[in-house]
Amino acid sequence: MPHAIRVHQTGGPEVLEWEEVEVGNPGPGQATIRQEAVGLNFIDVYHRTGLYPQPLPFTPGVEGAGVVEAVGPDVTDIRLGDRVAYAGPIGGYAEQRLIAADRLVKLPDSISAEQAAAMMLKGLTAEMLVRRVYPVQAGQTVLVHAAAGGVGLILCQWAKALGATVIGTVGSDEKAELARAHGCDHPIVYTRQDFVAEVERITESKKVPVVYDGVGRDTFMKSLDCLARRGMMVSFGNASGAVDPFPPSMLAQKGSLFLTRPTAYDYVATPGELQQAAAELFEVVESGKVRIEVDQRFPLKDAAEAHRQLEARKTTGSTILTI
């Protein structure tokens, strides 16, 4: 029987258990895929800890790639043997899984299963952020937090390809060099530099029209001070914890700012939206403008250790679980 990681109670990494599971036959609208690689994302931690509650027990993981082994009777767009990838729904930490066929996208020959598992959710998130939530224009300067992280490295490259100047925050000199190599013009090591002061200096007090913040509590309030008048605060993650409540009037006081809390799933909710966003992601990767590199690999059964490394901020870029 195939194995999967199962969570029977929320908590620390130790609740991730490696178990045999039974995978049924695909029903209407479903496909069975044999997975080759699974992506690791911070949302997996939110599911494991219960921050984003799931019915227990469950299999975490929202991103992966593999080969179609069976399809339901009414599935026509996906065929046996197709190389496919997905970004949701939950259930990815498994050797084999059932999934709604309309949530799968076919992979171009030039993109490997490992690359796809490393980029689907992160890449669709980046596409959403720079193309639709706040469409980046040539000549603008943008601020990206966690610039050496999985989403951050893609964001930096994509924004740079669109003609922007990219400022990014990182936690170490090593991460600063990594971010710089991926399109970040001005990496700021936040452990010794005040990023608000640095943004003021770099922009000659003009500040930035947009901040992309997947960190949350540790960066949110100071990020508001980096925004130009009528700038947009894009809060898309809580890696350091949820943002503390604040009065909406603060947005007015700091320059009539905009605030949004988007999730990629609302931007790829329909099959058409998913296919369009994935096509744009694949195009920018195939063109070489965005490089997808796997920086860490863990066997799927060792998912707990992967979570420990991620939460300790010891990872850079994309991490995958191999099968």
Foldseek 3Di string as FASTA:
>chain_A
DWWFFKAQDADALVRTAIDDDDADAAAPQKWKWQFFWAWDDVVQNCDRNCVPDDPPIATFGFWFWGFTCHYHPPDDPHDGGFTWIAGDDTHGLIRMHMDRPLRIDGDDPVADRHLRNQAVQLLLVLCCVCPPPPPAAAPFEEEEELLQAANNLQNQLVNVVRHYAYEYEDQDPVSQVNSVVRRHPHYDNVVPDPVLVVLCVVVVNQAGQEYEAAQAQVCPVSNLSRHHAQHEYEHAHHLPHHHDDDDPVVCVVSHVYHYDHDHSCVQPVGSVSSNVSVVVSSVCCVVVSRDRDAFEEAASSVVSVVSVCVSVVVDGHIYMHGD
